[in-house]
Amino acid sequence: MSSAFPPTLLDNSFSFTQLKFHLCMSLQETDQHLAEGQHFIIKGCLSGDRVSQAKLYHLYARKMMGVCMWYAKNREEAEEILQDGFMRVFSYIHTFRGEGSFEGWIRATMVSAALSRYRNKSSHLRPVIQFDSNYHELSEEAGFIAKYDEKELVKLVQTLTPAYRMVFNLYVFEGMKHREIAEALKISEGTSKSNLADARRILQTALTIKKKTASL
């Protein structure tokens, strides 16, 4: 699977001027897909403008924090993932070609940051994988999730082991197949399937107990 961030940033043969040209062209062609004024913020970020970076951060930080919370064990770790994610956004914003949702691209970058953190802790030093910048449709596993309060579910998912939490999130929320998850986490497809089944069982059991306790 290809790296989420192509090596063009470090390739001397690919000039900064070319990067600006390609980004500006993609912005012109997909202007209708971007919120009003957002393309100006992107151009500013490409130039390293701190004001534009601050605007982009405040525009998406709250929503992306919600994404990071699913992948972290607590709020502190989620904040660290968020900060790393935005550093990646500012460093690799030139890779956004205007294909699909810019918000989806930022989300994918946050998930990549979470994956990188997981690999580092697991001693799996592998390139960050490429996600489709468009939102994936939720899998069938997400059916039972819609029945419960999101904050409650986040807390329960955070209690899962890092491996269970990562597989569950990648399968349910990112729409990845077990083959893709296995490649991303350097595990077998069987392990991915087993981790998902265990994570789902743990969550369903916890939710059932909470429901019964609440009805007493």
C-alpha atoms as a PDB file:
ATOM      1  CA  MET A   1       0.000   0.000   0.000  1.00  0.00           C
ATOM      2  CA  SER A   2       1.428   3.395  -0.904  1.00  0.00           C
ATOM      3  CA  SER A   3       2.595   5.963   1.600  1.00  0.00           C
ATOM      4  CA  ALA A   4       0.111   8.662   2.550  1.00  0.00           C
ATOM      5  CA  PHE A   5       2.769  11.305   2.044  1.00  0.00           C
ATOM      6  CA  PRO A   6       4.728  11.030  -1.227  1.00  0.00           C
ATOM      7  CA  PRO A   7       8.474  11.729  -1.106  1.00  0.00           C
ATOM      8  CA  THR A   8       8.128  14.838  -3.311  1.00  0.00           C
ATOM      9  CA  LEU A   9       8.732  17.090  -0.297  1.00  0.00           C
ATOM     10  CA  LEU A  10      12.284  15.749  -0.047  1.00  0.00           C
ATOM     11  CA  ASP A  11      12.865  15.346  -3.756  1.00  0.00           C
ATOM     12  CA  ASN A  12      15.132  18.141  -4.969  1.00  0.00           C
ATOM     13  CA  SER A  13      13.960  17.607  -8.543  1.00  0.00           C
ATOM     14  CA  PHE A  14      10.452  18.679  -7.575  1.00  0.00           C
ATOM     15  CA  SER A  15      10.602  22.388  -6.808  1.00  0.00           C
ATOM     16  CA  PHE A  16       8.475  24.356  -4.375  1.00  0.00           C
ATOM     17  CA  THR A  17       7.251  26.431  -7.300  1.00  0.00           C
ATOM     18  CA  GLN A  18       5.937  23.285  -8.974  1.00  0.00           C
ATOM     19  CA  LEU A  19       4.180  22.294  -5.781  1.00  0.00           C
ATOM     20  CA  LYS A  20       2.484  25.694  -5.593  1.00  0.00           C
ATOM     21  CA  PHE A  21       1.480  25.448  -9.259  1.00  0.00           C
ATOM     22  CA  HIS A  22      -0.100  22.004  -8.900  1.00  0.00           C
ATOM     23  CA  LEU A  23      -1.959  22.973  -5.748  1.00  0.00           C
ATOM     24  CA  CYS A  24      -3.255  26.215  -7.271  1.00  0.00           C
ATOM     25  CA  MET A  25      -4.442  24.331 -10.361  1.00  0.00           C
ATOM     26  CA  SER A  26      -6.277  21.746  -8.270  1.00  0.00           C
ATOM     27  CA  LEU A  27      -7.827  24.511  -6.174  1.00  0.00           C
ATOM     28  CA  GLN A  28      -9.096  26.298  -9.285  1.00  0.00           C
ATOM     29  CA  GLU A  29     -10.579  23.110 -10.693  1.00  0.00           C
ATOM     30  CA  THR A  30     -12.308  22.080  -7.459  1.00  0.00           C
ATOM     31  CA  ASP A  31     -13.234  25.459  -6.011  1.00  0.00           C
ATOM     32  CA  GLN A  32     -16.868  24.409  -5.745  1.00  0.00           C
ATOM     33  CA  HIS A  33     -15.930  21.615  -3.337  1.00  0.00           C
ATOM     34  CA  LEU A  34     -14.255  23.928  -0.845  1.00  0.00           C
ATOM     35  CA  ALA A  35     -15.955  26.151   1.696  1.00  0.00           C
ATOM     36  CA  GLU A  36     -15.953  29.838   0.866  1.00  0.00           C
ATOM     37  CA  GLY A  37     -12.547  31.307   1.650  1.00  0.00           C
ATOM     38  CA  GLN A  38     -11.051  27.938   2.529  1.00  0.00           C
ATOM     39  CA  HIS A  39      -8.867  27.786  -0.568  1.00  0.00           C
ATOM     40  CA  PHE A  40      -7.218  31.042   0.506  1.00  0.00           C
ATOM     41  CA  ILE A  41      -6.410  29.490   3.860  1.00  0.00           C
ATOM     42  CA  ILE A  42      -4.900  26.475   2.104  1.00  0.00           C
ATOM     43  CA  LYS A  43      -2.765  28.721  -0.092  1.00  0.00           C
ATOM     44  CA  GLY A  44      -1.607  30.577   2.993  1.00  0.00           C
ATOM     45  CA  CYS A  45      -0.712  27.335   4.728  1.00  0.00           C
ATOM     46  CA  LEU A  46       1.269  26.262   1.684  1.00  0.00           C
ATOM     47  CA  SER A  47       3.303  29.426   2.039  1.00  0.00           C
ATOM     48  CA  GLY A  48       3.865  28.743   5.729  1.00  0.00           C
ATOM     49  CA  ASP A  49       1.696  31.655   6.843  1.00  0.00           C
ATOM     50  CA  ARG A  50       1.092  31.280  10.597  1.00  0.00           C
ATOM     51  CA  VAL A  51      -2.182  33.192  10.517  1.00  0.00           C
ATOM     52  CA  SER A  52      -3.559  30.819   7.863  1.00  0.00           C
ATOM     53  CA  GLN A  53      -2.355  27.825   9.878  1.00  0.00           C
ATOM     54  CA  ALA A  54      -4.107  29.159  12.971  1.00  0.00           C
ATOM     55  CA  LYS A  55      -7.323  29.663  11.007  1.00  0.00           C
ATOM     56  CA  LEU A  56      -7.182  26.128   9.628  1.00  0.00           C
ATOM     57  CA  TYR A  57      -6.497  24.722  13.075  1.00  0.00           C
ATOM     58  CA  HIS A  58      -9.429  26.521  14.688  1.00  0.00           C
ATOM     59  CA  LEU A  59     -11.665  25.567  11.775  1.00  0.00           C
ATOM     60  CA  TYR A  60     -11.122  21.820  12.200  1.00  0.00           C
ATOM     61  CA  ALA A  61      -9.545  21.200  15.617  1.00  0.00           C
ATOM     62  CA  ARG A  62     -12.761  20.467  17.477  1.00  0.00           C
ATOM     63  CA  LYS A  63     -14.088  18.011  14.924  1.00  0.00           C
ATOM     64  CA  MET A  64     -10.711  16.284  14.506  1.00  0.00           C
ATOM     65  CA  MET A  65     -10.345  16.005  18.265  1.00  0.00           C
ATOM     66  CA  GLY A  66     -13.471  13.887  18.126  1.00  0.00           C
ATOM     67  CA  VAL A  67     -11.755  11.588  15.631  1.00  0.00           C
ATOM     68  CA  CYS A  68      -8.598  11.363  17.740  1.00  0.00           C
ATOM     69  CA  MET A  69     -10.586  10.451  20.852  1.00  0.00           C
ATOM     70  CA  TRP A  70     -11.633   7.159  19.234  1.00  0.00           C
ATOM     71  CA  TYR A  71      -8.006   6.202  18.637  1.00  0.00           C
ATOM     72  CA  ALA A  72      -6.568   7.282  22.012  1.00  0.00           C
ATOM     73  CA  LYS A  73      -6.676   5.760  25.470  1.00  0.00           C
ATOM     74  CA  ASN A  74      -7.569   9.130  27.028  1.00  0.00           C
ATOM     75  CA  ARG A  75      -7.964  12.820  26.247  1.00  0.00           C
ATOM     76  CA  GLU A  76      -4.285  13.594  26.835  1.00  0.00           C
ATOM     77  CA  GLU A  77      -3.188  11.080  24.229  1.00  0.00           C
ATOM     78  CA  ALA A  78      -5.897  12.319  21.848  1.00  0.00           C
ATOM     79  CA  GLU A  79      -4.499  15.847  22.137  1.00  0.00           C
ATOM     80  CA  GLU A  80      -1.027  14.548  21.289  1.00  0.00           C
ATOM     81  CA  ILE A  81      -2.379  12.764  18.215  1.00  0.00           C
ATOM     82  CA  LEU A  82      -4.237  15.937  17.233  1.00  0.00           C
ATOM     83  CA  GLN A  83      -1.095  18.055  17.448  1.00  0.00           C
ATOM     84  CA  ASP A  84       0.944  15.528  15.479  1.00  0.00           C
ATOM     85  CA  GLY A  85      -1.857  15.303  12.954  1.00  0.00           C
ATOM     86  CA  PHE A  86      -1.920  19.051  12.323  1.00  0.00           C
ATOM     87  CA  MET A  87       1.856  19.143  12.013  1.00  0.00           C
ATOM     88  CA  ARG A  88       1.439  16.584   9.236  1.00  0.00           C
ATOM     89  CA  VAL A  89      -1.360  18.614   7.678  1.00  0.00           C
ATOM     90  CA  PHE A  90       0.832  21.717   7.505  1.00  0.00           C
ATOM     91  CA  SER A  91       3.856  19.749   6.255  1.00  0.00           C
ATOM     92  CA  TYR A  92       2.038  17.794   3.553  1.00  0.00           C
ATOM     93  CA  ILE A  93      -0.814  20.068   2.541  1.00  0.00           C
ATOM     94  CA  HIS A  94       0.747  20.180  -0.930  1.00  0.00           C
ATOM     95  CA  THR A  95      -0.357  16.566  -1.417  1.00  0.00           C
ATOM     96  CA  PHE A  96      -4.027  17.540  -1.346  1.00  0.00           C
ATOM     97  CA  ARG A  97      -5.038  17.701  -5.008  1.00  0.00           C
ATOM     98  CA  GLY A  98      -8.616  18.810  -4.564  1.00  0.00           C
ATOM     99  CA  GLU A  99      -9.976  15.319  -5.192  1.00  0.00           C
ATOM    100  CA  GLY A 100     -12.776  14.723  -2.750  1.00  0.00           C
ATOM    101  CA  SER A 101     -13.343  16.364   0.597  1.00  0.00           C
ATOM    102  CA  PHE A 102     -10.590  18.471   2.175  1.00  0.00           C
ATOM    103  CA  GLU A 103     -12.073  17.657   5.572  1.00  0.00           C
ATOM    104  CA  GLY A 104     -11.863  13.981   4.638  1.00  0.00           C
ATOM    105  CA  TRP A 105      -8.191  14.455   3.763  1.00  0.00           C
ATOM    106  CA  ILE A 106      -7.535  16.041   7.153  1.00  0.00           C
ATOM    107  CA  ARG A 107      -9.370  13.186   8.868  1.00  0.00           C
ATOM    108  CA  ALA A 108      -7.244  10.656   6.988  1.00  0.00           C
ATOM    109  CA  THR A 109      -4.149  12.526   8.144  1.00  0.00           C
ATOM    110  CA  MET A 110      -5.296  12.325  11.759  1.00  0.00           C
ATOM    111  CA  VAL A 111      -5.877   8.590  11.450  1.00  0.00           C
ATOM    112  CA  SER A 112      -2.434   8.227   9.888  1.00  0.00           C
ATOM    113  CA  ALA A 113      -0.965  10.061  12.891  1.00  0.00           C
ATOM    114  CA  ALA A 114      -2.756   7.650  15.226  1.00  0.00           C
ATOM    115  CA  LEU A 115      -1.456   4.706  13.211  1.00  0.00           C
ATOM    116  CA  SER A 116       2.080   6.031  13.311  1.00  0.00           C
ATOM    117  CA  ARG A 117       1.865   6.434  17.084  1.00  0.00           C
ATOM    118  CA  TYR A 118       0.560   2.884  17.439  1.00  0.00           C
ATOM    119  CA  ARG A 119       3.352   1.483  15.268  1.00  0.00           C
ATOM    120  CA  ASN A 120       6.038   3.345  17.185  1.00  0.00           C
ATOM    121  CA  LYS A 121       4.747   1.960  20.471  1.00  0.00           C
ATOM    122  CA  SER A 122       4.528  -1.501  18.918  1.00  0.00           C
ATOM    123  CA  SER A 123       7.987  -1.207  17.320  1.00  0.00           C
ATOM    124  CA  HIS A 124       6.397  -1.460  13.878  1.00  0.00           C
ATOM    125  CA  LEU A 125       8.231   1.313  12.073  1.00  0.00           C
ATOM    126  CA  ARG A 126       6.391   1.282   8.782  1.00  0.00           C
ATOM    127  CA  PRO A 127       5.257   4.041   6.373  1.00  0.00           C
ATOM    128  CA  VAL A 128       1.912   5.641   7.066  1.00  0.00           C
ATOM    129  CA  ILE A 129      -0.685   4.145   4.767  1.00  0.00           C
ATOM    130  CA  GLN A 130      -2.836   5.931   2.222  1.00  0.00           C
ATOM    131  CA  PHE A 131      -6.517   6.439   2.948  1.00  0.00           C
ATOM    132  CA  ASP A 132      -9.221   7.465   0.568  1.00  0.00           C
ATOM    133  CA  SER A 133      -9.753  11.150   1.360  1.00  0.00           C
ATOM    134  CA  ASN A 134     -13.500  10.626   1.088  1.00  0.00           C
ATOM    135  CA  TYR A 135     -15.361   9.258   4.057  1.00  0.00           C
ATOM    136  CA  HIS A 136     -15.898   5.520   3.923  1.00  0.00           C
ATOM    137  CA  GLU A 137     -19.367   4.202   4.505  1.00  0.00           C
ATOM    138  CA  LEU A 138     -19.645   2.607   7.908  1.00  0.00           C
ATOM    139  CA  SER A 139     -19.516  -1.162   7.958  1.00  0.00           C
ATOM    140  CA  GLU A 140     -22.332  -3.366   9.179  1.00  0.00           C
ATOM    141  CA  GLU A 141     -20.492  -3.567  12.509  1.00  0.00           C
ATOM    142  CA  ALA A 142     -21.462   0.054  13.116  1.00  0.00           C
ATOM    143  CA  GLY A 143     -25.145  -0.882  13.296  1.00  0.00           C
ATOM    144  CA  PHE A 144     -25.233  -1.406  17.030  1.00  0.00           C
ATOM    145  CA  ILE A 145     -23.163   1.731  17.647  1.00  0.00           C
ATOM    146  CA  ALA A 146     -25.915   4.070  16.457  1.00  0.00           C
ATOM    147  CA  LYS A 147     -28.105   2.841  19.308  1.00  0.00           C
ATOM    148  CA  TYR A 148     -25.881   4.275  22.022  1.00  0.00           C
ATOM    149  CA  ASP A 149     -24.574   7.633  23.188  1.00  0.00           C
ATOM    150  CA  GLU A 150     -21.348   8.575  21.401  1.00  0.00           C
ATOM    151  CA  LYS A 151     -19.550   9.839  24.509  1.00  0.00           C
ATOM    152  CA  GLU A 152     -20.347   6.623  26.315  1.00  0.00           C
ATOM    153  CA  LEU A 153     -19.065   4.578  23.389  1.00  0.00           C
ATOM    154  CA  VAL A 154     -15.845   6.565  23.106  1.00  0.00           C
ATOM    155  CA  LYS A 155     -15.063   5.871  26.750  1.00  0.00           C
ATOM    156  CA  LEU A 156     -15.682   2.164  26.258  1.00  0.00           C
ATOM    157  CA  VAL A 157     -13.567   1.992  23.090  1.00  0.00           C
ATOM    158  CA  GLN A 158     -10.756   3.728  24.963  1.00  0.00           C
ATOM    159  CA  THR A 159     -10.723   0.861  27.481  1.00  0.00           C
ATOM    160  CA  LEU A 160      -9.891  -1.647  24.746  1.00  0.00           C
ATOM    161  CA  THR A 161      -6.293  -2.742  24.303  1.00  0.00           C
ATOM    162  CA  PRO A 162      -4.425  -0.672  21.675  1.00  0.00           C
ATOM    163  CA  ALA A 163      -4.552  -3.550  19.175  1.00  0.00           C
ATOM    164  CA  TYR A 164      -8.289  -4.151  19.629  1.00  0.00           C
ATOM    165  CA  ARG A 165      -9.036  -0.425  19.520  1.00  0.00           C
ATOM    166  CA  MET A 166      -7.030   0.126  16.347  1.00  0.00           C
ATOM    167  CA  VAL A 167      -8.554  -2.799  14.440  1.00  0.00           C
ATOM    168  CA  PHE A 168     -12.076  -1.912  15.566  1.00  0.00           C
ATOM    169  CA  ASN A 169     -11.756   1.728  14.503  1.00  0.00           C
ATOM    170  CA  LEU A 170     -10.093   1.000  11.173  1.00  0.00           C
ATOM    171  CA  TYR A 171     -12.749  -1.565  10.270  1.00  0.00           C
ATOM    172  CA  VAL A 172     -15.835   0.225  11.568  1.00  0.00           C
ATOM    173  CA  PHE A 173     -15.074   3.899  11.002  1.00  0.00           C
ATOM    174  CA  GLU A 174     -12.544   3.905   8.165  1.00  0.00           C
ATOM    175  CA  GLY A 175     -14.174   1.098   6.191  1.00  0.00           C
ATOM    176  CA  MET A 176     -10.925  -0.840   5.758  1.00  0.00           C
ATOM    177  CA  LYS A 177     -10.904  -4.510   4.828  1.00  0.00           C
ATOM    178  CA  HIS A 178      -9.105  -7.075   6.975  1.00  0.00           C
ATOM    179  CA  ARG A 179      -6.447  -7.438   4.297  1.00  0.00           C
ATOM    180  CA  GLU A 180      -5.743  -3.701   4.446  1.00  0.00           C
ATOM    181  CA  ILE A 181      -5.717  -3.664   8.231  1.00  0.00           C
ATOM    182  CA  ALA A 182      -3.361  -6.626   8.318  1.00  0.00           C
ATOM    183  CA  GLU A 183      -0.967  -4.836   5.972  1.00  0.00           C
ATOM    184  CA  ALA A 184      -1.182  -1.573   7.917  1.00  0.00           C
ATOM    185  CA  LEU A 185      -0.587  -3.152  11.339  1.00  0.00           C
ATOM    186  CA  LYS A 186       1.752  -5.919  10.169  1.00  0.00           C
ATOM    187  CA  ILE A 187      -0.492  -8.683  11.430  1.00  0.00           C
ATOM    188  CA  SER A 188      -2.285 -11.575   9.759  1.00  0.00           C
ATOM    189  CA  GLU A 189      -5.826 -11.276   8.412  1.00  0.00           C
ATOM    190  CA  GLY A 190      -6.841 -13.912  10.936  1.00  0.00           C
ATOM    191  CA  THR A 191      -5.510 -11.784  13.782  1.00  0.00           C
ATOM    192  CA  SER A 192      -7.379  -8.773  12.432  1.00  0.00           C
ATOM    193  CA  LYS A 193     -10.631 -10.732  12.309  1.00  0.00           C
ATOM    194  CA  SER A 194     -10.037 -12.165  15.782  1.00  0.00           C
ATOM    195  CA  ASN A 195      -9.262  -8.743  17.253  1.00  0.00           C
ATOM    196  CA  LEU A 196     -12.406  -7.274  15.730  1.00  0.00           C
ATOM    197  CA  ALA A 197     -14.569 -10.095  17.058  1.00  0.00           C
ATOM    198  CA  ASP A 198     -13.078  -9.767  20.541  1.00  0.00           C
ATOM    199  CA  ALA A 199     -13.440  -5.982  20.524  1.00  0.00           C
ATOM    200  CA  ARG A 200     -17.055  -6.210  19.425  1.00  0.00           C
ATOM    201  CA  ARG A 201     -17.813  -8.837  22.072  1.00  0.00           C
ATOM    202  CA  ILE A 202     -16.220  -6.729  24.818  1.00  0.00           C
ATOM    203  CA  LEU A 203     -18.116  -3.608  23.775  1.00  0.00           C
ATOM    204  CA  GLN A 204     -21.457  -5.374  23.374  1.00  0.00           C
ATOM    205  CA  THR A 205     -21.067  -7.023  26.776  1.00  0.00           C
ATOM    206  CA  ALA A 206     -20.205  -3.721  28.445  1.00  0.00           C
ATOM    207  CA  LEU A 207     -23.096  -1.942  26.762  1.00  0.00           C
ATOM    208  CA  THR A 208     -25.528  -4.682  27.709  1.00  0.00           C
ATOM    209  CA  ILE A 209     -24.448  -4.513  31.347  1.00  0.00           C
ATOM    210  CA  LYS A 210     -24.804  -0.721  31.347  1.00  0.00           C
ATOM    211  CA  LYS A 211     -28.273  -0.998  29.820  1.00  0.00           C
ATOM    212  CA  LYS A 212     -29.417  -3.535  32.422  1.00  0.00           C
ATOM    213  CA  THR A 213     -27.929  -1.488  35.255  1.00  0.00           C
ATOM    214  CA  ALA A 214     -29.675   1.669  34.025  1.00  0.00           C
ATOM    215  CA  SER A 215     -33.041  -0.120  33.954  1.00  0.00           C
ATOM    216  CA  LEU A 216     -32.852  -1.162  37.619  1.00  0.00           C
END
